[in-house]
Amino acid sequence: MNLPDTIETPRHLLRRWQDEDAAALYAYAKDPNVGPKAGWAPHASLDESQEVIGIFQASPGEYAVTDKETGEVIGSFGFHFNRRPDESITHDRQVEIGYVLAPDYWGEGRMPEIVEAMLDFIFKELPIDVVWCGHFDFNDQSRRVVEKLGFTHVFDRPFVLERIDGRTVTSHVYNWTRERYEAKREITNT
């Protein structure tokens, strides 16, 4: 999938990850309130954050979220084209989205702004029929984002937190379809 190097929202610039972003990534990725909510352990060192940036740079769908006013990296957003929440729907053109925001920016409506802009981008610019996202049962921040934006709850499934403590949790899976997005746009434009 051919994605642009930058995508803008009113308060954010999403751009490709750069080597010099490691300290900013580490600043929020080491927080025990961040990674575990997304299924990964807090970063243990700046070197680990640098390694993760290398992984992000190798993937065309990974973006650093920066605050337009300060230029600071405050989170990440990813398009995952090869993930399938349910193998029975592999025929659809689909993408899973994932996002993380530094705790200092929680509660400001930033992630709903970003995800809404990404839905617009996906359905206007990409040949995608279904956008997936999910959250674990204990991730209230992500739950509020999907509820605020009107994602449709599709199913729940067990998920083992292998990279944290091995316990099984519930993953709540949601989607937005192109058909629903276009119907909403028609209502909004009339």
C-alpha atoms as a PDB file:
ATOM      1  CA  MET A   1       0.000   0.000   0.000  1.00  0.00           C
ATOM      2  CA  ASN A   2       1.441   3.362  -0.983  1.00  0.00           C
ATOM      3  CA  LEU A   3       1.169   5.759   1.968  1.00  0.00           C
ATOM      4  CA  PRO A   4       2.272   9.397   2.171  1.00  0.00           C
ATOM      5  CA  ASP A   5       5.243  10.464   4.296  1.00  0.00           C
ATOM      6  CA  THR A   6       3.062  12.843   6.317  1.00  0.00           C
ATOM      7  CA  ILE A   7      -0.611  13.130   7.260  1.00  0.00           C
ATOM      8  CA  GLU A   8      -2.059  16.135   9.106  1.00  0.00           C
ATOM      9  CA  THR A   9      -4.872  16.703  11.544  1.00  0.00           C
ATOM     10  CA  PRO A  10      -5.785  20.088  13.028  1.00  0.00           C
ATOM     11  CA  ARG A  11      -3.323  19.692  15.938  1.00  0.00           C
ATOM     12  CA  HIS A  12      -0.965  16.971  14.711  1.00  0.00           C
ATOM     13  CA  LEU A  13       1.497  16.011  12.046  1.00  0.00           C
ATOM     14  CA  LEU A  14       1.920  12.296  11.544  1.00  0.00           C
ATOM     15  CA  ARG A  15       5.282  11.600   9.944  1.00  0.00           C
ATOM     16  CA  ARG A  16       7.745   8.789   9.412  1.00  0.00           C
ATOM     17  CA  TRP A  17       9.834   7.812  12.420  1.00  0.00           C
ATOM     18  CA  GLN A  18      13.374   9.218  12.563  1.00  0.00           C
ATOM     19  CA  ASP A  19      16.411   7.904  14.457  1.00  0.00           C
ATOM     20  CA  GLU A  20      16.472  11.021  16.617  1.00  0.00           C
ATOM     21  CA  ASP A  21      12.951  10.233  17.917  1.00  0.00           C
ATOM     22  CA  ALA A  22      14.275   7.541  20.270  1.00  0.00           C
ATOM     23  CA  ALA A  23      14.392   9.736  23.391  1.00  0.00           C
ATOM     24  CA  ALA A  24      10.834  10.973  22.839  1.00  0.00           C
ATOM     25  CA  LEU A  25       9.574   7.431  22.234  1.00  0.00           C
ATOM     26  CA  TYR A  26      11.369   6.163  25.325  1.00  0.00           C
ATOM     27  CA  ALA A  27       9.919   9.010  27.439  1.00  0.00           C
ATOM     28  CA  TYR A  28       6.384   7.627  27.054  1.00  0.00           C
ATOM     29  CA  ALA A  29       7.096   3.973  26.154  1.00  0.00           C
ATOM     30  CA  LYS A  30       8.809   3.342  29.511  1.00  0.00           C
ATOM     31  CA  ASP A  31       5.650   4.415  31.366  1.00  0.00           C
ATOM     32  CA  PRO A  32       3.913   1.333  32.828  1.00  0.00           C
ATOM     33  CA  ASN A  33       0.541   2.923  31.998  1.00  0.00           C
ATOM     34  CA  VAL A  34       1.231   2.931  28.244  1.00  0.00           C
ATOM     35  CA  GLY A  35       2.614  -0.269  26.694  1.00  0.00           C
ATOM     36  CA  PRO A  36       0.700  -2.841  28.708  1.00  0.00           C
ATOM     37  CA  LYS A  37      -2.585  -1.250  27.597  1.00  0.00           C
ATOM     38  CA  ALA A  38      -1.516  -1.991  24.012  1.00  0.00           C
ATOM     39  CA  GLY A  39      -0.097  -5.447  24.749  1.00  0.00           C
ATOM     40  CA  TRP A  40       3.615  -4.712  25.053  1.00  0.00           C
ATOM     41  CA  ALA A  41       5.934  -4.344  28.016  1.00  0.00           C
ATOM     42  CA  PRO A  42       7.300  -0.914  28.957  1.00  0.00           C
ATOM     43  CA  HIS A  43      10.564  -0.148  27.221  1.00  0.00           C
ATOM     44  CA  ALA A  44      13.492  -0.965  29.495  1.00  0.00           C
ATOM     45  CA  SER A  45      16.059   1.327  27.852  1.00  0.00           C
ATOM     46  CA  LEU A  46      16.704   3.992  25.264  1.00  0.00           C
ATOM     47  CA  ASP A  47      18.398   1.285  23.177  1.00  0.00           C
ATOM     48  CA  GLU A  48      15.151  -0.700  23.118  1.00  0.00           C
ATOM     49  CA  SER A  49      13.264   2.355  21.872  1.00  0.00           C
ATOM     50  CA  GLN A  50      15.920   2.826  19.179  1.00  0.00           C
ATOM     51  CA  GLU A  51      15.427  -0.799  18.088  1.00  0.00           C
ATOM     52  CA  VAL A  52      11.666  -0.291  17.918  1.00  0.00           C
ATOM     53  CA  ILE A  53      12.172   2.784  15.744  1.00  0.00           C
ATOM     54  CA  GLY A  54      14.198   0.600  13.373  1.00  0.00           C
ATOM     55  CA  ILE A  55      11.246  -1.795  13.171  1.00  0.00           C
ATOM     56  CA  PHE A  56       8.869   1.133  12.591  1.00  0.00           C
ATOM     57  CA  GLN A  57      11.120   2.509   9.837  1.00  0.00           C
ATOM     58  CA  ALA A  58      11.027  -0.834   8.040  1.00  0.00           C
ATOM     59  CA  SER A  59       7.220  -0.687   7.897  1.00  0.00           C
ATOM     60  CA  PRO A  60       5.542   1.831   5.590  1.00  0.00           C
ATOM     61  CA  GLY A  61       2.485   2.062   7.859  1.00  0.00           C
ATOM     62  CA  GLU A  62       4.089   3.360  11.063  1.00  0.00           C
ATOM     63  CA  TYR A  63       3.941   7.041  11.965  1.00  0.00           C
ATOM     64  CA  ALA A  64       5.234   9.208  14.784  1.00  0.00           C
ATOM     65  CA  VAL A  65       2.470  11.488  16.053  1.00  0.00           C
ATOM     66  CA  THR A  66       3.822  14.988  16.643  1.00  0.00           C
ATOM     67  CA  ASP A  67       2.210  18.036  18.180  1.00  0.00           C
ATOM     68  CA  LYS A  68       2.134  20.743  15.499  1.00  0.00           C
ATOM     69  CA  GLU A  69       2.688  23.527  18.016  1.00  0.00           C
ATOM     70  CA  THR A  70       5.786  22.054  19.687  1.00  0.00           C
ATOM     71  CA  GLY A  71       7.028  19.515  17.139  1.00  0.00           C
ATOM     72  CA  GLU A  72       7.320  16.952  19.965  1.00  0.00           C
ATOM     73  CA  VAL A  73       6.657  13.265  19.345  1.00  0.00           C
ATOM     74  CA  ILE A  74       3.669  12.462  21.566  1.00  0.00           C
ATOM     75  CA  GLY A  75       2.563   9.074  20.267  1.00  0.00           C
ATOM     76  CA  SER A  76       2.372   6.650  17.394  1.00  0.00           C
ATOM     77  CA  PHE A  77      -0.159   5.522  14.828  1.00  0.00           C
ATOM     78  CA  GLY A  78       0.037   2.434  12.657  1.00  0.00           C
ATOM     79  CA  PHE A  79      -1.676   0.937   9.640  1.00  0.00           C
ATOM     80  CA  HIS A  80      -1.434  -2.879   9.734  1.00  0.00           C
ATOM     81  CA  PHE A  81      -2.445  -4.322   6.381  1.00  0.00           C
ATOM     82  CA  ASN A  82      -1.427  -7.923   7.055  1.00  0.00           C
ATOM     83  CA  ARG A  83      -3.322  -8.468  10.299  1.00  0.00           C
ATOM     84  CA  ARG A  84      -6.706 -10.133  10.247  1.00  0.00           C
ATOM     85  CA  PRO A  85      -8.898 -10.121  13.366  1.00  0.00           C
ATOM     86  CA  ASP A  86     -10.911 -12.998  11.918  1.00  0.00           C
ATOM     87  CA  GLU A  87      -9.660 -15.329   9.181  1.00  0.00           C
ATOM     88  CA  SER A  88     -13.170 -15.699   7.748  1.00  0.00           C
ATOM     89  CA  ILE A  89     -13.068 -12.145   6.363  1.00  0.00           C
ATOM     90  CA  THR A  90      -9.826 -12.253   4.403  1.00  0.00           C
ATOM     91  CA  HIS A  91     -11.647 -11.472   1.165  1.00  0.00           C
ATOM     92  CA  ASP A  92     -12.287  -7.862   2.187  1.00  0.00           C
ATOM     93  CA  ARG A  93      -9.800  -5.105   1.533  1.00  0.00           C
ATOM     94  CA  GLN A  94      -9.071  -4.187   5.111  1.00  0.00           C
ATOM     95  CA  VAL A  95      -6.638  -2.604   7.535  1.00  0.00           C
ATOM     96  CA  GLU A  96      -6.209  -2.696  11.267  1.00  0.00           C
ATOM     97  CA  ILE A  97      -5.220   0.546  12.955  1.00  0.00           C
ATOM     98  CA  GLY A  98      -3.352   0.909  16.222  1.00  0.00           C
ATOM     99  CA  TYR A  99      -2.414   3.941  18.257  1.00  0.00           C
ATOM    100  CA  VAL A 100      -0.627   5.044  21.407  1.00  0.00           C
ATOM    101  CA  LEU A 101      -0.542   8.456  23.054  1.00  0.00           C
ATOM    102  CA  ALA A 102       1.740   9.765  25.792  1.00  0.00           C
ATOM    103  CA  PRO A 103      -0.189  10.073  29.090  1.00  0.00           C
ATOM    104  CA  ASP A 104       0.496  13.821  29.326  1.00  0.00           C
ATOM    105  CA  TYR A 105      -1.898  14.225  26.366  1.00  0.00           C
ATOM    106  CA  TRP A 106      -4.706  11.930  27.510  1.00  0.00           C
ATOM    107  CA  GLY A 107      -8.124  13.485  27.978  1.00  0.00           C
ATOM    108  CA  GLU A 108      -7.617  16.276  25.420  1.00  0.00           C
ATOM    109  CA  GLY A 109      -9.517  14.652  22.544  1.00  0.00           C
ATOM    110  CA  ARG A 110      -6.330  14.162  20.563  1.00  0.00           C
ATOM    111  CA  MET A 111      -6.660  10.506  19.668  1.00  0.00           C
ATOM    112  CA  PRO A 112     -10.293  10.798  18.537  1.00  0.00           C
ATOM    113  CA  GLU A 113      -9.148  13.701  16.311  1.00  0.00           C
ATOM    114  CA  ILE A 114      -6.339  11.582  14.869  1.00  0.00           C
ATOM    115  CA  VAL A 115      -8.409   8.435  14.341  1.00  0.00           C
ATOM    116  CA  GLU A 116     -11.248  10.389  12.723  1.00  0.00           C
ATOM    117  CA  ALA A 117      -8.760  12.016  10.327  1.00  0.00           C
ATOM    118  CA  MET A 118      -7.289   8.594   9.554  1.00  0.00           C
ATOM    119  CA  LEU A 119     -10.733   7.161   8.792  1.00  0.00           C
ATOM    120  CA  ASP A 120     -11.284  10.043   6.354  1.00  0.00           C
ATOM    121  CA  PHE A 121      -7.861   9.442   4.798  1.00  0.00           C
ATOM    122  CA  ILE A 122      -8.375   5.679   4.501  1.00  0.00           C
ATOM    123  CA  PHE A 123     -11.816   5.807   2.922  1.00  0.00           C
ATOM    124  CA  LYS A 124     -11.007   8.738   0.611  1.00  0.00           C
ATOM    125  CA  GLU A 125      -7.511   7.713  -0.483  1.00  0.00           C
ATOM    126  CA  LEU A 126      -7.090   3.948  -0.111  1.00  0.00           C
ATOM    127  CA  PRO A 127      -8.845   0.933  -1.639  1.00  0.00           C
ATOM    128  CA  ILE A 128      -9.992  -0.268   1.782  1.00  0.00           C
ATOM    129  CA  ASP A 129     -13.451  -1.647   2.630  1.00  0.00           C
ATOM    130  CA  VAL A 130     -13.083  -2.291   6.375  1.00  0.00           C
ATOM    131  CA  VAL A 131     -11.063  -0.567   9.118  1.00  0.00           C
ATOM    132  CA  TRP A 132     -10.500  -2.621  12.258  1.00  0.00           C
ATOM    133  CA  CYS A 133      -9.358  -1.628  15.716  1.00  0.00           C
ATOM    134  CA  GLY A 134      -9.567  -3.114  19.138  1.00  0.00           C
ATOM    135  CA  HIS A 135      -8.790  -2.686  22.791  1.00  0.00           C
ATOM    136  CA  PHE A 136      -8.252  -4.909  25.773  1.00  0.00           C
ATOM    137  CA  ASP A 137     -10.938  -5.037  28.441  1.00  0.00           C
ATOM    138  CA  PHE A 138      -8.811  -2.931  30.825  1.00  0.00           C
ATOM    139  CA  ASN A 139      -7.950  -0.147  28.322  1.00  0.00           C
ATOM    140  CA  ASP A 140     -10.557   2.518  29.061  1.00  0.00           C
ATOM    141  CA  GLN A 141      -8.777   5.194  26.996  1.00  0.00           C
ATOM    142  CA  SER A 142      -8.994   3.195  23.768  1.00  0.00           C
ATOM    143  CA  ARG A 143     -12.552   2.130  24.588  1.00  0.00           C
ATOM    144  CA  ARG A 144     -13.572   5.784  24.855  1.00  0.00           C
ATOM    145  CA  VAL A 145     -11.957   6.575  21.475  1.00  0.00           C
ATOM    146  CA  VAL A 146     -13.844   3.832  19.620  1.00  0.00           C
ATOM    147  CA  GLU A 147     -17.113   4.659  21.382  1.00  0.00           C
ATOM    148  CA  LYS A 148     -16.787   8.395  20.690  1.00  0.00           C
ATOM    149  CA  LEU A 149     -16.144   7.753  16.995  1.00  0.00           C
ATOM    150  CA  GLY A 150     -18.988   5.280  16.622  1.00  0.00           C
ATOM    151  CA  PHE A 151     -17.052   2.157  15.700  1.00  0.00           C
ATOM    152  CA  THR A 152     -19.264  -0.934  15.538  1.00  0.00           C
ATOM    153  CA  HIS A 153     -18.485  -3.674  18.044  1.00  0.00           C
ATOM    154  CA  VAL A 154     -18.090  -6.893  16.048  1.00  0.00           C
ATOM    155  CA  PHE A 155     -16.835  -9.551  18.449  1.00  0.00           C
ATOM    156  CA  ASP A 156     -14.699 -10.315  21.500  1.00  0.00           C
ATOM    157  CA  ARG A 157     -11.897 -12.823  21.668  1.00  0.00           C
ATOM    158  CA  PRO A 158      -9.413 -14.062  24.251  1.00  0.00           C
ATOM    159  CA  PHE A 159      -5.886 -12.725  23.925  1.00  0.00           C
ATOM    160  CA  VAL A 160      -2.773 -13.889  25.769  1.00  0.00           C
ATOM    161  CA  LEU A 161      -0.476 -11.064  26.868  1.00  0.00           C
ATOM    162  CA  GLU A 162       2.665 -13.015  25.965  1.00  0.00           C
ATOM    163  CA  ARG A 163       4.925  -9.956  25.946  1.00  0.00           C
ATOM    164  CA  ILE A 164       3.843  -8.892  29.436  1.00  0.00           C
ATOM    165  CA  ASP A 165       2.744 -11.520  31.937  1.00  0.00           C
ATOM    166  CA  GLY A 166       1.104 -14.375  29.999  1.00  0.00           C
ATOM    167  CA  ARG A 167      -2.395 -13.803  31.375  1.00  0.00           C
ATOM    168  CA  THR A 168      -5.433 -14.099  29.146  1.00  0.00           C
ATOM    169  CA  VAL A 169      -7.580 -10.992  28.668  1.00  0.00           C
ATOM    170  CA  THR A 170     -10.493 -10.083  26.418  1.00  0.00           C
ATOM    171  CA  SER A 171      -9.851  -8.165  23.220  1.00  0.00           C
ATOM    172  CA  HIS A 172     -12.871  -6.184  22.035  1.00  0.00           C
ATOM    173  CA  VAL A 173     -12.827  -5.831  18.234  1.00  0.00           C
ATOM    174  CA  TYR A 174     -14.595  -3.065  16.295  1.00  0.00           C
ATOM    175  CA  ASN A 175     -14.831  -1.872  12.714  1.00  0.00           C
ATOM    176  CA  TRP A 176     -15.896   0.878  10.358  1.00  0.00           C
ATOM    177  CA  THR A 177     -16.995  -0.164   6.864  1.00  0.00           C
ATOM    178  CA  ARG A 178     -16.734   1.846   3.681  1.00  0.00           C
ATOM    179  CA  GLU A 179     -20.467   1.400   3.125  1.00  0.00           C
ATOM    180  CA  ARG A 180     -21.281   2.890   6.533  1.00  0.00           C
ATOM    181  CA  TYR A 181     -18.715   5.679   6.109  1.00  0.00           C
ATOM    182  CA  GLU A 182     -20.163   6.714   2.734  1.00  0.00           C
ATOM    183  CA  ALA A 183     -23.741   6.587   4.075  1.00  0.00           C
ATOM    184  CA  LYS A 184     -22.695   8.864   6.957  1.00  0.00           C
ATOM    185  CA  ARG A 185     -21.037  11.291   4.518  1.00  0.00           C
ATOM    186  CA  GLU A 186     -24.205  11.427   2.407  1.00  0.00           C
ATOM    187  CA  ILE A 187     -26.305  12.287   5.473  1.00  0.00           C
ATOM    188  CA  THR A 188     -23.762  14.905   6.582  1.00  0.00           C
ATOM    189  CA  ASN A 189     -23.615  16.517   3.132  1.00  0.00           C
ATOM    190  CA  THR A 190     -27.401  16.863   2.705  1.00  0.00           C
END
